């Protein structure tokens, strides 16, 4: 199992647009096959950093999931929404594997 951490740099004047974007992914991501942990918007401290976190079985499963997400009507609209509103300044993805206890059992 892999966990994908998406770090977003957002326009702090468009935080509400990011919140709508996150809520849309909250519907589309699980429907397309990933286990969404959540989206996190700035609250205190940095006004420009936001995160999305979900788990996926493998990188191969990730590729199939991305294809489903791109073809999903809400997914397509959300991509267009982000391009139109220009609230995402940067987006970085990192895939990590849980290795600590008590949650990791060593077989993953």
PDB file of N, CA and C in Angstrom:
ATOM      1  N   UNK A   1       0.851  -1.186   0.000  1.00  0.00           N
ATOM      2  CA  UNK A   1       0.000   0.000   0.000  1.00  0.00           C
ATOM      3  C   UNK A   1       0.889   1.239   0.000  1.00  0.00           C
ATOM      4  N   UNK A   2       0.547   2.199  -0.848  1.00  0.00           N
ATOM      5  CA  UNK A   2       1.273   3.461  -0.930  1.00  0.00           C
ATOM      6  C   UNK A   2       0.364   4.603  -0.502  1.00  0.00           C
ATOM      7  N   UNK A   3       0.941   5.607   0.095  1.00  0.00           N
ATOM      8  CA  UNK A   3       0.193   6.818   0.425  1.00  0.00           C
ATOM      9  C   UNK A   3       0.737   7.942  -0.434  1.00  0.00           C
ATOM     10  N   UNK A   4      -0.164   8.613  -1.130  1.00  0.00           N
ATOM     11  CA  UNK A   4       0.203   9.745  -1.964  1.00  0.00           C
ATOM     12  C   UNK A   4      -0.075  11.027  -1.187  1.00  0.00           C
ATOM     13  N   UNK A   5       0.966  11.828  -1.053  1.00  0.00           N
ATOM     14  CA  UNK A   5       0.845  13.142  -0.429  1.00  0.00           C
ATOM     15  C   UNK A   5       0.983  14.175  -1.543  1.00  0.00           C
ATOM     16  N   UNK A   6      -0.038  14.990  -1.726  1.00  0.00           N
ATOM     17  CA  UNK A   6       0.015  16.058  -2.708  1.00  0.00           C
ATOM     18  C   UNK A   6       0.164  17.368  -1.945  1.00  0.00           C
ATOM     19  N   UNK A   7       1.255  18.056  -2.221  1.00  0.00           N
ATOM     20  CA  UNK A   7       1.478  19.367  -1.595  1.00  0.00           C
ATOM     21  C   UNK A   7       1.139  20.427  -2.631  1.00  0.00           C
ATOM     22  N   UNK A   8       0.216  21.284  -2.264  1.00  0.00           N
ATOM     23  CA  UNK A   8      -0.210  22.371  -3.139  1.00  0.00           C
ATOM     24  C   UNK A   8       0.309  23.693  -2.594  1.00  0.00           C
ATOM     25  N   UNK A   9       0.767  24.541  -3.479  1.00  0.00           N
ATOM     26  CA  UNK A   9       0.995  25.942  -3.169  1.00  0.00           C
ATOM     27  C   UNK A   9      -0.173  26.666  -3.820  1.00  0.00           C
ATOM     28  N   UNK A  10      -0.969  27.332  -3.009  1.00  0.00           N
ATOM     29  CA  UNK A  10      -2.184  27.968  -3.522  1.00  0.00           C
ATOM     30  C   UNK A  10      -2.105  29.482  -3.385  1.00  0.00           C
ATOM     31  N   UNK A  11      -2.891  30.147  -4.194  1.00  0.00           N
ATOM     32  CA  UNK A  11      -3.040  31.592  -4.079  1.00  0.00           C
ATOM     33  C   UNK A  11      -3.842  31.855  -2.803  1.00  0.00           C
ATOM     34  N   UNK A  12      -3.268  32.556  -1.816  1.00  0.00           N
ATOM     35  CA  UNK A  12      -3.977  32.734  -0.543  1.00  0.00           C
ATOM     36  C   UNK A  12      -5.254  33.558  -0.671  1.00  0.00           C
ATOM     37  N   UNK A  13      -5.396  34.294  -1.753  1.00  0.00           N
ATOM     38  CA  UNK A  13      -6.620  35.070  -1.947  1.00  0.00           C
ATOM     39  C   UNK A  13      -7.736  34.226  -2.560  1.00  0.00           C
ATOM     40  N   UNK A  14      -7.406  32.977  -2.916  1.00  0.00           N
ATOM     41  CA  UNK A  14      -8.384  32.096  -3.555  1.00  0.00           C
ATOM     42  C   UNK A  14      -8.574  30.797  -2.766  1.00  0.00           C
ATOM     43  N   UNK A  15      -8.463  30.902  -1.458  1.00  0.00           N
ATOM     44  CA  UNK A  15      -8.611  29.725  -0.595  1.00  0.00           C
ATOM     45  C   UNK A  15      -9.982  29.072  -0.773  1.00  0.00           C
ATOM     46  N   UNK A  16     -11.039  29.859  -0.942  1.00  0.00           N
ATOM     47  CA  UNK A  16     -12.379  29.294  -1.115  1.00  0.00           C
ATOM     48  C   UNK A  16     -12.465  28.441  -2.376  1.00  0.00           C
ATOM     49  N   UNK A  17     -11.761  28.834  -3.426  1.00  0.00           N
ATOM     50  CA  UNK A  17     -11.735  28.031  -4.652  1.00  0.00           C
ATOM     51  C   UNK A  17     -11.049  26.698  -4.383  1.00  0.00           C
ATOM     52  N   UNK A  18      -9.966  26.711  -3.604  1.00  0.00           N
ATOM     53  CA  UNK A  18      -9.294  25.456  -3.257  1.00  0.00           C
ATOM     54  C   UNK A  18     -10.230  24.563  -2.441  1.00  0.00           C
ATOM     55  N   UNK A  19     -10.977  25.128  -1.524  1.00  0.00           N
ATOM     56  CA  UNK A  19     -11.910  24.346  -0.707  1.00  0.00           C
ATOM     57  C   UNK A  19     -12.946  23.662  -1.601  1.00  0.00           C
ATOM     58  N   UNK A  20     -13.469  24.355  -2.588  1.00  0.00           N
ATOM     59  CA  UNK A  20     -14.423  23.748  -3.515  1.00  0.00           C
ATOM     60  C   UNK A  20     -13.761  22.634  -4.323  1.00  0.00           C
ATOM     61  N   UNK A  21     -12.564  22.873  -4.777  1.00  0.00           N
ATOM     62  CA  UNK A  21     -11.765  21.879  -5.508  1.00  0.00           C
ATOM     63  C   UNK A  21     -11.591  20.617  -4.659  1.00  0.00           C
ATOM     64  N   UNK A  22     -11.227  20.808  -3.402  1.00  0.00           N
ATOM     65  CA  UNK A  22     -11.031  19.681  -2.486  1.00  0.00           C
ATOM     66  C   UNK A  22     -12.328  18.912  -2.266  1.00  0.00           C
ATOM     67  N   UNK A  23     -13.421  19.601  -2.101  1.00  0.00           N
ATOM     68  CA  UNK A  23     -14.715  18.928  -1.900  1.00  0.00           C
ATOM     69  C   UNK A  23     -15.106  18.111  -3.125  1.00  0.00           C
ATOM     70  N   UNK A  24     -14.815  18.636  -4.310  1.00  0.00           N
ATOM     71  CA  UNK A  24     -15.090  17.873  -5.528  1.00  0.00           C
ATOM     72  C   UNK A  24     -14.263  16.595  -5.578  1.00  0.00           C
ATOM     73  N   UNK A  25     -12.983  16.698  -5.231  1.00  0.00           N
ATOM     74  CA  UNK A  25     -12.146  15.488  -5.200  1.00  0.00           C
ATOM     75  C   UNK A  25     -12.634  14.524  -4.127  1.00  0.00           C
ATOM     76  N   UNK A  26     -13.211  15.065  -3.075  1.00  0.00           N
ATOM     77  CA  UNK A  26     -13.762  14.205  -2.022  1.00  0.00           C
ATOM     78  C   UNK A  26     -14.837  13.260  -2.528  1.00  0.00           C
ATOM     79  N   UNK A  27     -15.489  13.622  -3.605  1.00  0.00           N
ATOM     80  CA  UNK A  27     -16.475  12.746  -4.239  1.00  0.00           C
ATOM     81  C   UNK A  27     -15.831  11.879  -5.315  1.00  0.00           C
ATOM     82  N   UNK A  28     -14.998  12.482  -6.159  1.00  0.00           N
ATOM     83  CA  UNK A  28     -14.472  11.781  -7.334  1.00  0.00           C
ATOM     84  C   UNK A  28     -13.381  10.768  -7.001  1.00  0.00           C
ATOM     85  N   UNK A  29     -12.482  11.089  -6.095  1.00  0.00           N
ATOM     86  CA  UNK A  29     -11.352  10.196  -5.803  1.00  0.00           C
ATOM     87  C   UNK A  29     -11.812   8.832  -5.308  1.00  0.00           C
ATOM     88  N   UNK A  30     -12.676   8.743  -4.297  1.00  0.00           N
ATOM     89  CA  UNK A  30     -13.115   7.409  -3.862  1.00  0.00           C
ATOM     90  C   UNK A  30     -13.872   6.650  -4.959  1.00  0.00           C
ATOM     91  N   UNK A  31     -14.658   7.370  -5.729  1.00  0.00           N
ATOM     92  CA  UNK A  31     -15.423   6.735  -6.809  1.00  0.00           C
ATOM     93  C   UNK A  31     -14.500   6.128  -7.868  1.00  0.00           C
ATOM     94  N   UNK A  32     -13.315   6.706  -8.020  1.00  0.00           N
ATOM     95  CA  UNK A  32     -12.394   6.245  -9.056  1.00  0.00           C
ATOM     96  C   UNK A  32     -11.367   5.234  -8.554  1.00  0.00           C
ATOM     97  N   UNK A  33     -11.397   4.900  -7.264  1.00  0.00           N
ATOM     98  CA  UNK A  33     -10.606   3.766  -6.799  1.00  0.00           C
ATOM     99  C   UNK A  33      -9.500   4.010  -5.803  1.00  0.00           C
ATOM    100  N   UNK A  34      -9.336   5.223  -5.309  1.00  0.00           N
ATOM    101  CA  UNK A  34      -8.333   5.465  -4.262  1.00  0.00           C
ATOM    102  C   UNK A  34      -9.053   5.677  -2.937  1.00  0.00           C
ATOM    103  N   UNK A  35      -8.349   5.421  -1.860  1.00  0.00           N
ATOM    104  CA  UNK A  35      -8.904   5.600  -0.514  1.00  0.00           C
ATOM    105  C   UNK A  35      -8.480   6.979  -0.003  1.00  0.00           C
ATOM    106  N   UNK A  36      -9.385   7.938  -0.109  1.00  0.00           N
ATOM    107  CA  UNK A  36      -9.074   9.318   0.271  1.00  0.00           C
ATOM    108  C   UNK A  36      -8.988   9.460   1.787  1.00  0.00           C
ATOM    109  N   UNK A  37      -7.870   9.951   2.261  1.00  0.00           N
ATOM    110  CA  UNK A  37      -7.723  10.289   3.674  1.00  0.00           C
ATOM    111  C   UNK A  37      -8.272  11.691   3.891  1.00  0.00           C
ATOM    112  N   UNK A  38      -7.945  12.620   2.991  1.00  0.00           N
ATOM    113  CA  UNK A  38      -8.525  13.946   3.087  1.00  0.00           C
ATOM    114  C   UNK A  38      -7.727  15.007   2.382  1.00  0.00           C
ATOM    115  N   UNK A  39      -8.365  16.149   2.277  1.00  0.00           N
ATOM    116  CA  UNK A  39      -7.746  17.368   1.774  1.00  0.00           C
ATOM    117  C   UNK A  39      -7.676  18.341   2.933  1.00  0.00           C
ATOM    118  N   UNK A  40      -6.576  19.076   2.991  1.00  0.00           N
ATOM    119  CA  UNK A  40      -6.321  19.964   4.113  1.00  0.00           C
ATOM    120  C   UNK A  40      -5.987  21.352   3.583  1.00  0.00           C
ATOM    121  N   UNK A  41      -6.770  22.341   3.989  1.00  0.00           N
ATOM    122  CA  UNK A  41      -6.588  23.729   3.560  1.00  0.00           C
ATOM    123  C   UNK A  41      -5.892  24.522   4.666  1.00  0.00           C
ATOM    124  N   UNK A  42      -5.235  25.619   4.312  1.00  0.00           N
ATOM    125  CA  UNK A  42      -4.570  26.439   5.323  1.00  0.00           C
ATOM    126  C   UNK A  42      -5.551  26.919   6.393  1.00  0.00           C
ATOM    127  N   UNK A  43      -5.069  26.902   7.628  1.00  0.00           N
ATOM    128  CA  UNK A  43      -5.883  27.395   8.740  1.00  0.00           C
ATOM    129  C   UNK A  43      -5.086  28.382   9.587  1.00  0.00           C
ATOM    130  N   UNK A  44      -3.913  27.966  10.015  1.00  0.00           N
ATOM    131  CA  UNK A  44      -3.042  28.806  10.848  1.00  0.00           C
ATOM    132  C   UNK A  44      -1.628  28.601  10.326  1.00  0.00           C
ATOM    133  N   UNK A  45      -0.817  29.615  10.413  1.00  0.00           N
ATOM    134  CA  UNK A  45       0.541  29.510   9.885  1.00  0.00           C
ATOM    135  C   UNK A  45       0.547  29.890   8.417  1.00  0.00           C
ATOM    136  N   UNK A  46       1.127  29.056   7.587  1.00  0.00           N
ATOM    137  CA  UNK A  46       1.204  29.343   6.156  1.00  0.00           C
ATOM    138  C   UNK A  46      -0.182  29.479   5.543  1.00  0.00           C
ATOM    139  N   UNK A  47      -0.348  30.493   4.740  1.00  0.00           N
ATOM    140  CA  UNK A  47      -1.618  30.695   4.034  1.00  0.00           C
ATOM    141  C   UNK A  47      -1.562  30.148   2.616  1.00  0.00           C
ATOM    142  N   UNK A  48      -0.416  29.547   2.253  1.00  0.00           N
ATOM    143  CA  UNK A  48      -0.245  29.110   0.874  1.00  0.00           C
ATOM    144  C   UNK A  48      -0.071  27.608   0.704  1.00  0.00           C
ATOM    145  N   UNK A  49       0.086  26.863   1.794  1.00  0.00           N
ATOM    146  CA  UNK A  49       0.280  25.414   1.684  1.00  0.00           C
ATOM    147  C   UNK A  49      -1.002  24.666   2.000  1.00  0.00           C
ATOM    148  N   UNK A  50      -1.318  23.689   1.139  1.00  0.00           N
ATOM    149  CA  UNK A  50      -2.472  22.823   1.336  1.00  0.00           C
ATOM    150  C   UNK A  50      -2.048  21.413   0.936  1.00  0.00           C
ATOM    151  N   UNK A  51      -2.797  20.409   1.389  1.00  0.00           N
ATOM    152  CA  UNK A  51      -2.415  19.024   1.130  1.00  0.00           C
ATOM    153  C   UNK A  51      -3.620  18.174   0.764  1.00  0.00           C
ATOM    154  N   UNK A  52      -3.367  17.171  -0.054  1.00  0.00           N
ATOM    155  CA  UNK A  52      -4.313  16.104  -0.333  1.00  0.00           C
ATOM    156  C   UNK A  52      -3.604  14.801  -0.033  1.00  0.00           C
ATOM    157  N   UNK A  53      -4.295  13.843   0.611  1.00  0.00           N
ATOM    158  CA  UNK A  53      -3.660  12.592   1.000  1.00  0.00           C
ATOM    159  C   UNK A  53      -4.611  11.432   0.709  1.00  0.00           C
ATOM    160  N   UNK A  54      -4.104  10.421   0.007  1.00  0.00           N
ATOM    161  CA  UNK A  54      -4.903   9.227  -0.239  1.00  0.00           C
ATOM    162  C   UNK A  54      -3.982   8.022  -0.349  1.00  0.00           C
ATOM    163  N   UNK A  55      -4.564   6.851  -0.212  1.00  0.00           N
ATOM    164  CA  UNK A  55      -3.791   5.620  -0.366  1.00  0.00           C
ATOM    165  C   UNK A  55      -4.245   4.895  -1.626  1.00  0.00           C
ATOM    166  N   UNK A  56      -3.305   4.135  -2.171  1.00  0.00           N
ATOM    167  CA  UNK A  56      -3.552   3.341  -3.377  1.00  0.00           C
ATOM    168  C   UNK A  56      -2.700   2.074  -3.257  1.00  0.00           C
ATOM    169  N   UNK A  57      -3.168   1.006  -3.844  1.00  0.00           N
ATOM    170  CA  UNK A  57      -2.504  -0.294  -3.690  1.00  0.00           C
ATOM    171  C   UNK A  57      -1.081  -0.323  -4.243  1.00  0.00           C
ATOM    172  N   UNK A  58      -0.844   0.276  -5.410  1.00  0.00           N
ATOM    173  CA  UNK A  58       0.469   0.198  -6.056  1.00  0.00           C
ATOM    174  C   UNK A  58       0.574   1.301  -7.109  1.00  0.00           C
ATOM    175  N   UNK A  59       1.750   1.459  -7.683  1.00  0.00           N
ATOM    176  CA  UNK A  59       1.899   2.442  -8.756  1.00  0.00           C
ATOM    177  C   UNK A  59       1.118   2.034 -10.000  1.00  0.00           C
ATOM    178  N   UNK A  60       1.013   0.726 -10.251  1.00  0.00           N
ATOM    179  CA  UNK A  60       0.191   0.254 -11.376  1.00  0.00           C
ATOM    180  C   UNK A  60      -1.277   0.604 -11.140  1.00  0.00           C
ATOM    181  N   UNK A  61      -1.757   0.406  -9.921  1.00  0.00           N
ATOM    182  CA  UNK A  61      -3.135   0.772  -9.582  1.00  0.00           C
ATOM    183  C   UNK A  61      -3.322   2.280  -9.702  1.00  0.00           C
ATOM    184  N   UNK A  62      -2.281   3.042  -9.368  1.00  0.00           N
ATOM    185  CA  UNK A  62      -2.340   4.497  -9.479  1.00  0.00           C
ATOM    186  C   UNK A  62      -2.556   4.920 -10.934  1.00  0.00           C
ATOM    187  N   UNK A  63      -1.854   4.295 -11.854  1.00  0.00           N
ATOM    188  CA  UNK A  63      -1.999   4.646 -13.272  1.00  0.00           C
ATOM    189  C   UNK A  63      -3.430   4.395 -13.750  1.00  0.00           C
ATOM    190  N   UNK A  64      -4.019   3.268 -13.370  1.00  0.00           N
ATOM    191  CA  UNK A  64      -5.407   2.962 -13.756  1.00  0.00           C
ATOM    192  C   UNK A  64      -6.376   3.948 -13.098  1.00  0.00           C
ATOM    193  N   UNK A  65      -6.124   4.262 -11.847  1.00  0.00           N
ATOM    194  CA  UNK A  65      -6.951   5.231 -11.112  1.00  0.00           C
ATOM    195  C   UNK A  65      -6.907   6.593 -11.787  1.00  0.00           C
ATOM    196  N   UNK A  66      -5.722   7.058 -12.184  1.00  0.00           N
ATOM    197  CA  UNK A  66      -5.593   8.369 -12.834  1.00  0.00           C
ATOM    198  C   UNK A  66      -6.379   8.413 -14.141  1.00  0.00           C
ATOM    199  N   UNK A  67      -6.375   7.325 -14.885  1.00  0.00           N
ATOM    200  CA  UNK A  67      -7.144   7.275 -16.134  1.00  0.00           C
ATOM    201  C   UNK A  67      -8.640   7.375 -15.836  1.00  0.00           C
ATOM    202  N   UNK A  68      -9.104   6.659 -14.804  1.00  0.00           N
ATOM    203  CA  UNK A  68     -10.526   6.752 -14.427  1.00  0.00           C
ATOM    204  C   UNK A  68     -10.879   8.153 -13.956  1.00  0.00           C
ATOM    205  N   UNK A  69     -10.000   8.763 -13.190  1.00  0.00           N
ATOM    206  CA  UNK A  69     -10.241  10.103 -12.669  1.00  0.00           C
ATOM    207  C   UNK A  69     -10.318  11.133 -13.801  1.00  0.00           C
ATOM    208  N   UNK A  70      -9.458  11.000 -14.791  1.00  0.00           N
ATOM    209  CA  UNK A  70      -9.464  11.929 -15.914  1.00  0.00           C
ATOM    210  C   UNK A  70     -10.733  11.790 -16.751  1.00  0.00           C
ATOM    211  N   UNK A  71     -11.322  10.584 -16.773  1.00  0.00           N
ATOM    212  CA  UNK A  71     -12.542  10.344 -17.554  1.00  0.00           C
ATOM    213  C   UNK A  71     -13.816  10.597 -16.749  1.00  0.00           C
ATOM    214  N   UNK A  72     -13.695  10.744 -15.441  1.00  0.00           N
ATOM    215  CA  UNK A  72     -14.847  10.978 -14.581  1.00  0.00           C
ATOM    216  C   UNK A  72     -15.406  12.378 -14.856  1.00  0.00           C
ATOM    217  N   UNK A  73     -16.718  12.544 -15.016  1.00  0.00           N
ATOM    218  CA  UNK A  73     -17.271  13.879 -15.305  1.00  0.00           C
ATOM    219  C   UNK A  73     -16.887  14.942 -14.269  1.00  0.00           C
ATOM    220  N   UNK A  74     -16.968  14.607 -12.988  1.00  0.00           N
ATOM    221  CA  UNK A  74     -16.592  15.584 -11.963  1.00  0.00           C
ATOM    222  C   UNK A  74     -15.083  15.813 -11.971  1.00  0.00           C
ATOM    223  N   UNK A  75     -14.317  14.763 -12.216  1.00  0.00           N
ATOM    224  CA  UNK A  75     -12.868  14.904 -12.322  1.00  0.00           C
ATOM    225  C   UNK A  75     -12.481  15.833 -13.461  1.00  0.00           C
ATOM    226  N   UNK A  76     -13.086  15.627 -14.628  1.00  0.00           N
ATOM    227  CA  UNK A  76     -12.827  16.496 -15.777  1.00  0.00           C
ATOM    228  C   UNK A  76     -13.171  17.950 -15.454  1.00  0.00           C
ATOM    229  N   UNK A  77     -14.332  18.153 -14.855  1.00  0.00           N
ATOM    230  CA  UNK A  77     -14.754  19.514 -14.511  1.00  0.00           C
ATOM    231  C   UNK A  77     -13.829  20.137 -13.476  1.00  0.00           C
ATOM    232  N   UNK A  78     -13.354  19.336 -12.520  1.00  0.00           N
ATOM    233  CA  UNK A  78     -12.474  19.873 -11.489  1.00  0.00           C
ATOM    234  C   UNK A  78     -11.129  20.302 -12.076  1.00  0.00           C
ATOM    235  N   UNK A  79     -10.602  19.516 -13.022  1.00  0.00           N
ATOM    236  CA  UNK A  79      -9.370  19.924 -13.698  1.00  0.00           C
ATOM    237  C   UNK A  79      -9.577  21.259 -14.412  1.00  0.00           C
ATOM    238  N   UNK A  80     -10.694  21.398 -15.132  1.00  0.00           N
ATOM    239  CA  UNK A  80     -10.991  22.648 -15.846  1.00  0.00           C
ATOM    240  C   UNK A  80     -11.183  23.814 -14.863  1.00  0.00           C
ATOM    241  N   UNK A  81     -11.868  23.540 -13.745  1.00  0.00           N
ATOM    242  CA  UNK A  81     -12.092  24.557 -12.717  1.00  0.00           C
ATOM    243  C   UNK A  81     -10.752  25.104 -12.214  1.00  0.00           C
ATOM    244  N   UNK A  82      -9.812  24.232 -11.926  1.00  0.00           N
ATOM    245  CA  UNK A  82      -8.502  24.661 -11.426  1.00  0.00           C
ATOM    246  C   UNK A  82      -7.762  25.488 -12.477  1.00  0.00           C
ATOM    247  N   UNK A  83      -7.837  25.083 -13.727  1.00  0.00           N
ATOM    248  CA  UNK A  83      -7.175  25.843 -14.788  1.00  0.00           C
ATOM    249  C   UNK A  83      -7.821  27.218 -14.969  1.00  0.00           C
ATOM    250  N   UNK A  84      -9.136  27.239 -14.933  1.00  0.00           N
ATOM    251  CA  UNK A  84      -9.874  28.490 -15.144  1.00  0.00           C
ATOM    252  C   UNK A  84      -9.633  29.486 -14.001  1.00  0.00           C
ATOM    253  N   UNK A  85      -9.693  29.003 -12.764  1.00  0.00           N
ATOM    254  CA  UNK A  85      -9.596  29.883 -11.594  1.00  0.00           C
ATOM    255  C   UNK A  85      -8.164  30.189 -11.168  1.00  0.00           C
ATOM    256  N   UNK A  86      -7.209  29.380 -11.593  1.00  0.00           N
ATOM    257  CA  UNK A  86      -5.780  29.618 -11.369  1.00  0.00           C
ATOM    258  C   UNK A  86      -5.404  29.816  -9.897  1.00  0.00           C
ATOM    259  N   UNK A  87      -5.972  28.996  -9.033  1.00  0.00           N
ATOM    260  CA  UNK A  87      -5.651  29.090  -7.605  1.00  0.00           C
ATOM    261  C   UNK A  87      -4.512  28.159  -7.213  1.00  0.00           C
ATOM    262  N   UNK A  88      -4.183  27.195  -8.066  1.00  0.00           N
ATOM    263  CA  UNK A  88      -3.059  26.298  -7.803  1.00  0.00           C
ATOM    264  C   UNK A  88      -1.809  26.877  -8.444  1.00  0.00           C
ATOM    265  N   UNK A  89      -0.831  27.213  -7.619  1.00  0.00           N
ATOM    266  CA  UNK A  89       0.407  27.781  -8.124  1.00  0.00           C
ATOM    267  C   UNK A  89       1.452  26.712  -8.369  1.00  0.00           C
ATOM    268  N   UNK A  90       1.377  25.632  -7.598  1.00  0.00           N
ATOM    269  CA  UNK A  90       2.313  24.512  -7.726  1.00  0.00           C
ATOM    270  C   UNK A  90       1.681  23.284  -7.088  1.00  0.00           C
ATOM    271  N   UNK A  91       2.019  22.130  -7.626  1.00  0.00           N
ATOM    272  CA  UNK A  91       1.468  20.863  -7.129  1.00  0.00           C
ATOM    273  C   UNK A  91       2.575  19.819  -7.198  1.00  0.00           C
ATOM    274  N   UNK A  92       2.892  19.188  -6.061  1.00  0.00           N
ATOM    275  CA  UNK A  92       3.933  18.155  -6.002  1.00  0.00           C
ATOM    276  C   UNK A  92       3.354  16.889  -5.384  1.00  0.00           C
ATOM    277  N   UNK A  93       3.632  15.748  -6.007  1.00  0.00           N
ATOM    278  CA  UNK A  93       3.186  14.457  -5.484  1.00  0.00           C
ATOM    279  C   UNK A  93       4.372  13.653  -4.983  1.00  0.00           C
ATOM    280  N   UNK A  94       4.189  13.027  -3.835  1.00  0.00           N
ATOM    281  CA  UNK A  94       5.177  12.122  -3.277  1.00  0.00           C
ATOM    282  C   UNK A  94       4.455  10.867  -2.826  1.00  0.00           C
ATOM    283  N   UNK A  95       4.996   9.707  -3.182  1.00  0.00           N
ATOM    284  CA  UNK A  95       4.423   8.432  -2.765  1.00  0.00           C
ATOM    285  C   UNK A  95       5.305   7.850  -1.674  1.00  0.00           C
ATOM    286  N   UNK A  96       4.704   7.577  -0.527  1.00  0.00           N
ATOM    287  CA  UNK A  96       5.437   7.032   0.607  1.00  0.00           C
ATOM    288  C   UNK A  96       4.810   5.716   1.044  1.00  0.00           C
ATOM    289  N   UNK A  97       5.652   4.883   1.643  1.00  0.00           N
ATOM    290  CA  UNK A  97       5.213   3.587   2.160  1.00  0.00           C
ATOM    291  C   UNK A  97       5.345   3.606   3.679  1.00  0.00           C
ATOM    292  N   UNK A  98       4.278   3.238   4.372  1.00  0.00           N
ATOM    293  CA  UNK A  98       4.298   3.204   5.837  1.00  0.00           C
ATOM    294  C   UNK A  98       5.234   2.096   6.319  1.00  0.00           C
ATOM    295  N   UNK A  99       6.174   2.455   7.183  1.00  0.00           N
ATOM    296  CA  UNK A  99       7.132   1.470   7.675  1.00  0.00           C
ATOM    297  C   UNK A  99       7.215   1.426   9.199  1.00  0.00           C
ATOM    298  N   UNK A 100       6.510   2.305   9.894  1.00  0.00           N
ATOM    299  CA  UNK A 100       6.591   2.334  11.356  1.00  0.00           C
ATOM    300  C   UNK A 100       5.509   1.442  11.975  1.00  0.00           C
ATOM    301  N   UNK A 101       5.720   1.104  13.217  1.00  0.00           N
ATOM    302  CA  UNK A 101       4.719   0.363  13.961  1.00  0.00           C
ATOM    303  C   UNK A 101       3.911   1.362  14.775  1.00  0.00           C
ATOM    304  N   UNK A 102       2.739   1.096  15.241  1.00  0.00           N
ATOM    305  CA  UNK A 102       2.047  -0.184  15.234  1.00  0.00           C
ATOM    306  C   UNK A 102       1.263  -0.470  13.942  1.00  0.00           C
ATOM    307  N   UNK A 103       1.178   0.479  13.030  1.00  0.00           N
ATOM    308  CA  UNK A 103       0.320   0.290  11.863  1.00  0.00           C
ATOM    309  C   UNK A 103       0.938  -0.569  10.786  1.00  0.00           C
ATOM    310  N   UNK A 104       2.257  -0.545  10.639  1.00  0.00           N
ATOM    311  CA  UNK A 104       2.907  -1.350   9.607  1.00  0.00           C
ATOM    312  C   UNK A 104       3.158  -2.742  10.134  1.00  0.00           C
ATOM    313  N   UNK A 105       2.833  -3.732   9.330  1.00  0.00           N
ATOM    314  CA  UNK A 105       3.044  -5.108   9.777  1.00  0.00           C
ATOM    315  C   UNK A 105       4.271  -5.746   9.106  1.00  0.00           C
ATOM    316  N   UNK A 106       4.982  -4.980   8.301  1.00  0.00           N
ATOM    317  CA  UNK A 106       6.190  -5.497   7.682  1.00  0.00           C
ATOM    318  C   UNK A 106       5.945  -6.224   6.370  1.00  0.00           C
ATOM    319  N   UNK A 107       4.700  -6.571   6.064  1.00  0.00           N
ATOM    320  CA  UNK A 107       4.430  -7.332   4.841  1.00  0.00           C
ATOM    321  C   UNK A 107       4.112  -6.424   3.662  1.00  0.00           C
ATOM    322  N   UNK A 108       4.017  -5.135   3.888  1.00  0.00           N
ATOM    323  CA  UNK A 108       3.629  -4.225   2.797  1.00  0.00           C
ATOM    324  C   UNK A 108       4.804  -3.695   2.052  1.00  0.00           C
TER     325      UNK A 108
END
